[in-house]
């Protein structure tokens, strides 16, 4: 089960996902400071926690660490959606209600995704027998707490 990110974790992960490159604590701090008052040690602690939770990998660069995401925001969103859907006693009804909440643009994106998924049918005897669609090379983040 994937745990939803907290407010500050999400603000930090959003930057890391958008920048799409290894980042330092200082880079994240300077960008966050344009929106809020925040200490270097707070950013450092949250990045370390995200690393320990499996959301980020890090490599030492001199005396600092450089952090980069383990998976994409899209993989995170898909895992959250899958977890939410799995909690329903009636998944078909949950999907109908979900579709009813979608905007026309979201429904069109869903149609496009279903067309792409149809190009990559799951092999029921293969390693992806869970029906997860095309292998994007991404994995859900590591252990959750």
C-alpha atoms as a PDB file:
ATOM      1  CA  UNK A   1       0.000   0.000   0.000  1.00  0.00           C
ATOM      2  CA  UNK A   2       1.322   3.416  -0.962  1.00  0.00           C
ATOM      3  CA  UNK A   3       1.102   6.155   1.646  1.00  0.00           C
ATOM      4  CA  UNK A   4      -0.016   9.541   0.388  1.00  0.00           C
ATOM      5  CA  UNK A   5       2.679  12.205   0.666  1.00  0.00           C
ATOM      6  CA  UNK A   6       2.315  14.884   3.312  1.00  0.00           C
ATOM      7  CA  UNK A   7       2.061  18.554   2.334  1.00  0.00           C
ATOM      8  CA  UNK A   8       5.800  19.346   2.622  1.00  0.00           C
ATOM      9  CA  UNK A   9       6.813  15.966   1.184  1.00  0.00           C
ATOM     10  CA  UNK A  10       4.578  16.663  -1.819  1.00  0.00           C
ATOM     11  CA  UNK A  11       6.013  20.178  -2.285  1.00  0.00           C
ATOM     12  CA  UNK A  12       9.526  18.721  -2.301  1.00  0.00           C
ATOM     13  CA  UNK A  13       8.709  15.733  -4.515  1.00  0.00           C
ATOM     14  CA  UNK A  14       6.905  18.018  -6.978  1.00  0.00           C
ATOM     15  CA  UNK A  15      10.124  19.975  -7.452  1.00  0.00           C
ATOM     16  CA  UNK A  16      12.266  16.860  -7.761  1.00  0.00           C
ATOM     17  CA  UNK A  17       9.873  15.376 -10.338  1.00  0.00           C
ATOM     18  CA  UNK A  18       9.641  18.651 -12.308  1.00  0.00           C
ATOM     19  CA  UNK A  19      13.378  19.277 -12.374  1.00  0.00           C
ATOM     20  CA  UNK A  20      14.027  15.690 -13.512  1.00  0.00           C
ATOM     21  CA  UNK A  21      17.659  15.706 -12.390  1.00  0.00           C
ATOM     22  CA  UNK A  22      19.586  15.089  -9.170  1.00  0.00           C
ATOM     23  CA  UNK A  23      19.059  17.943  -6.700  1.00  0.00           C
ATOM     24  CA  UNK A  24      20.715  19.138  -3.511  1.00  0.00           C
ATOM     25  CA  UNK A  25      19.119  20.216  -0.256  1.00  0.00           C
ATOM     26  CA  UNK A  26      20.215  23.799  -0.958  1.00  0.00           C
ATOM     27  CA  UNK A  27      18.503  23.876  -4.386  1.00  0.00           C
ATOM     28  CA  UNK A  28      15.229  22.645  -2.920  1.00  0.00           C
ATOM     29  CA  UNK A  29      15.554  25.036   0.032  1.00  0.00           C
ATOM     30  CA  UNK A  30      16.101  28.096  -2.167  1.00  0.00           C
ATOM     31  CA  UNK A  31      13.098  27.251  -4.316  1.00  0.00           C
ATOM     32  CA  UNK A  32      10.838  26.548  -1.326  1.00  0.00           C
ATOM     33  CA  UNK A  33      11.885  29.825   0.316  1.00  0.00           C
ATOM     34  CA  UNK A  34      10.165  31.716  -2.487  1.00  0.00           C
ATOM     35  CA  UNK A  35       6.861  30.407  -1.064  1.00  0.00           C
ATOM     36  CA  UNK A  36       7.464  29.970   2.655  1.00  0.00           C
ATOM     37  CA  UNK A  37       9.871  30.447   5.497  1.00  0.00           C
ATOM     38  CA  UNK A  38      11.695  27.155   5.967  1.00  0.00           C
ATOM     39  CA  UNK A  39      14.968  26.013   7.524  1.00  0.00           C
ATOM     40  CA  UNK A  40      17.738  24.118   5.757  1.00  0.00           C
ATOM     41  CA  UNK A  41      17.555  21.373   8.391  1.00  0.00           C
ATOM     42  CA  UNK A  42      13.826  20.899   7.764  1.00  0.00           C
ATOM     43  CA  UNK A  43      14.382  20.342   4.040  1.00  0.00           C
ATOM     44  CA  UNK A  44      17.348  18.066   4.778  1.00  0.00           C
ATOM     45  CA  UNK A  45      15.250  15.998   7.210  1.00  0.00           C
ATOM     46  CA  UNK A  46      12.338  15.613   4.765  1.00  0.00           C
ATOM     47  CA  UNK A  47      14.657  14.628   1.894  1.00  0.00           C
ATOM     48  CA  UNK A  48      16.310  12.065   4.185  1.00  0.00           C
ATOM     49  CA  UNK A  49      12.898  10.670   5.207  1.00  0.00           C
ATOM     50  CA  UNK A  50      11.806  10.453   1.573  1.00  0.00           C
ATOM     51  CA  UNK A  51      15.041   8.561   0.868  1.00  0.00           C
ATOM     52  CA  UNK A  52      14.448   6.137   3.771  1.00  0.00           C
ATOM     53  CA  UNK A  53      10.845   5.581   2.629  1.00  0.00           C
ATOM     54  CA  UNK A  54      12.052   4.606  -0.839  1.00  0.00           C
ATOM     55  CA  UNK A  55      10.836   7.652  -2.782  1.00  0.00           C
ATOM     56  CA  UNK A  56      14.308   9.058  -3.479  1.00  0.00           C
ATOM     57  CA  UNK A  57      17.749   7.631  -4.145  1.00  0.00           C
ATOM     58  CA  UNK A  58      20.791   9.634  -3.191  1.00  0.00           C
ATOM     59  CA  UNK A  59      24.454   9.792  -4.093  1.00  0.00           C
ATOM     60  CA  UNK A  60      27.174  11.627  -2.232  1.00  0.00           C
ATOM     61  CA  UNK A  61      28.564  14.647  -4.057  1.00  0.00           C
ATOM     62  CA  UNK A  62      31.427  15.960  -1.940  1.00  0.00           C
ATOM     63  CA  UNK A  63      30.006  16.776   1.487  1.00  0.00           C
ATOM     64  CA  UNK A  64      26.408  16.889   0.269  1.00  0.00           C
ATOM     65  CA  UNK A  65      23.947  14.436  -1.211  1.00  0.00           C
ATOM     66  CA  UNK A  66      22.201  14.655  -4.552  1.00  0.00           C
ATOM     67  CA  UNK A  67      18.665  13.245  -4.545  1.00  0.00           C
ATOM     68  CA  UNK A  68      16.633  11.918  -7.463  1.00  0.00           C
ATOM     69  CA  UNK A  69      13.246  10.195  -7.682  1.00  0.00           C
ATOM     70  CA  UNK A  70      12.941   6.425  -7.747  1.00  0.00           C
ATOM     71  CA  UNK A  71       9.789   6.620  -9.910  1.00  0.00           C
ATOM     72  CA  UNK A  72       7.691   9.227 -11.681  1.00  0.00           C
ATOM     73  CA  UNK A  73       4.784  11.276 -10.391  1.00  0.00           C
ATOM     74  CA  UNK A  74       2.571   9.310 -12.784  1.00  0.00           C
ATOM     75  CA  UNK A  75       3.640   6.004 -11.203  1.00  0.00           C
ATOM     76  CA  UNK A  76       2.911   7.468  -7.744  1.00  0.00           C
ATOM     77  CA  UNK A  77      -0.526   8.682  -8.859  1.00  0.00           C
ATOM     78  CA  UNK A  78      -1.344   5.305 -10.419  1.00  0.00           C
ATOM     79  CA  UNK A  79      -0.353   3.490  -7.216  1.00  0.00           C
ATOM     80  CA  UNK A  80      -2.606   5.794  -5.151  1.00  0.00           C
ATOM     81  CA  UNK A  81      -5.507   5.227  -7.540  1.00  0.00           C
ATOM     82  CA  UNK A  82      -4.971   1.464  -7.461  1.00  0.00           C
ATOM     83  CA  UNK A  83      -4.901   1.428  -3.653  1.00  0.00           C
ATOM     84  CA  UNK A  84      -8.077   3.497  -3.449  1.00  0.00           C
ATOM     85  CA  UNK A  85      -9.862   1.257  -5.944  1.00  0.00           C
ATOM     86  CA  UNK A  86      -8.758  -1.881  -4.088  1.00  0.00           C
ATOM     87  CA  UNK A  87     -10.553  -0.717  -0.932  1.00  0.00           C
ATOM     88  CA  UNK A  88     -13.978  -0.836  -2.626  1.00  0.00           C
ATOM     89  CA  UNK A  89     -16.395  -3.698  -2.033  1.00  0.00           C
ATOM     90  CA  UNK A  90     -17.774  -3.010  -5.517  1.00  0.00           C
ATOM     91  CA  UNK A  91     -14.931  -1.932  -7.836  1.00  0.00           C
ATOM     92  CA  UNK A  92     -17.211  -1.594 -10.883  1.00  0.00           C
ATOM     93  CA  UNK A  93     -19.515   0.820  -9.032  1.00  0.00           C
ATOM     94  CA  UNK A  94     -16.503   2.755  -7.737  1.00  0.00           C
ATOM     95  CA  UNK A  95     -15.268   3.173 -11.315  1.00  0.00           C
ATOM     96  CA  UNK A  96     -18.679   4.375 -12.495  1.00  0.00           C
ATOM     97  CA  UNK A  97     -18.704   6.999  -9.734  1.00  0.00           C
ATOM     98  CA  UNK A  98     -15.101   7.954 -10.532  1.00  0.00           C
ATOM     99  CA  UNK A  99     -15.918   8.401 -14.220  1.00  0.00           C
ATOM    100  CA  UNK A 100     -18.836  10.605 -13.213  1.00  0.00           C
ATOM    101  CA  UNK A 101     -16.431  12.908 -11.383  1.00  0.00           C
ATOM    102  CA  UNK A 102     -14.138  13.280 -14.401  1.00  0.00           C
ATOM    103  CA  UNK A 103     -14.010  16.351 -16.599  1.00  0.00           C
ATOM    104  CA  UNK A 104     -14.408  15.925 -20.371  1.00  0.00           C
ATOM    105  CA  UNK A 105     -10.628  16.367 -20.713  1.00  0.00           C
ATOM    106  CA  UNK A 106      -9.980  13.627 -18.154  1.00  0.00           C
ATOM    107  CA  UNK A 107     -12.401  11.271 -19.918  1.00  0.00           C
ATOM    108  CA  UNK A 108     -10.586  11.914 -23.206  1.00  0.00           C
ATOM    109  CA  UNK A 109      -7.244  11.183 -21.488  1.00  0.00           C
ATOM    110  CA  UNK A 110      -8.787   7.936 -20.191  1.00  0.00           C
ATOM    111  CA  UNK A 111      -9.914   6.989 -23.706  1.00  0.00           C
ATOM    112  CA  UNK A 112      -6.381   7.645 -24.983  1.00  0.00           C
ATOM    113  CA  UNK A 113      -4.870   5.567 -22.181  1.00  0.00           C
ATOM    114  CA  UNK A 114      -7.225   2.672 -22.900  1.00  0.00           C
ATOM    115  CA  UNK A 115      -6.250   2.785 -26.572  1.00  0.00           C
ATOM    116  CA  UNK A 116      -2.556   2.628 -25.603  1.00  0.00           C
ATOM    117  CA  UNK A 117      -3.206  -0.166 -23.080  1.00  0.00           C
ATOM    118  CA  UNK A 118      -4.955  -2.163 -25.827  1.00  0.00           C
ATOM    119  CA  UNK A 119      -1.716  -2.062 -27.827  1.00  0.00           C
ATOM    120  CA  UNK A 120       0.091  -3.806 -24.956  1.00  0.00           C
ATOM    121  CA  UNK A 121      -2.183  -6.597 -23.718  1.00  0.00           C
ATOM    122  CA  UNK A 122      -1.007  -8.397 -20.601  1.00  0.00           C
ATOM    123  CA  UNK A 123       0.289 -11.935 -20.939  1.00  0.00           C
ATOM    124  CA  UNK A 124      -1.785 -13.920 -18.421  1.00  0.00           C
ATOM    125  CA  UNK A 125       1.056 -16.415 -17.986  1.00  0.00           C
ATOM    126  CA  UNK A 126       3.864 -13.853 -17.823  1.00  0.00           C
ATOM    127  CA  UNK A 127       5.385 -11.902 -14.961  1.00  0.00           C
ATOM    128  CA  UNK A 128       2.822  -9.115 -15.440  1.00  0.00           C
ATOM    129  CA  UNK A 129      -0.145 -11.383 -14.843  1.00  0.00           C
ATOM    130  CA  UNK A 130      -1.710  -8.753 -12.618  1.00  0.00           C
ATOM    131  CA  UNK A 131      -3.065  -6.984 -15.700  1.00  0.00           C
ATOM    132  CA  UNK A 132      -1.020  -3.845 -15.121  1.00  0.00           C
ATOM    133  CA  UNK A 133      -0.694  -2.967 -18.803  1.00  0.00           C
ATOM    134  CA  UNK A 134       2.474  -1.904 -20.565  1.00  0.00           C
ATOM    135  CA  UNK A 135       5.783  -2.135 -18.771  1.00  0.00           C
ATOM    136  CA  UNK A 136       6.934   1.462 -18.434  1.00  0.00           C
ATOM    137  CA  UNK A 137      10.162   0.496 -16.707  1.00  0.00           C
ATOM    138  CA  UNK A 138       8.977   2.244 -13.559  1.00  0.00           C
ATOM    139  CA  UNK A 139       8.312   0.697 -10.222  1.00  0.00           C
ATOM    140  CA  UNK A 140       6.307   1.916  -7.308  1.00  0.00           C
ATOM    141  CA  UNK A 141       8.383   3.399  -4.503  1.00  0.00           C
ATOM    142  CA  UNK A 142       9.951   1.178  -1.898  1.00  0.00           C
ATOM    143  CA  UNK A 143       8.612   0.262   1.487  1.00  0.00           C
ATOM    144  CA  UNK A 144       5.929   2.444   2.968  1.00  0.00           C
ATOM    145  CA  UNK A 145       5.415   3.241   6.592  1.00  0.00           C
END
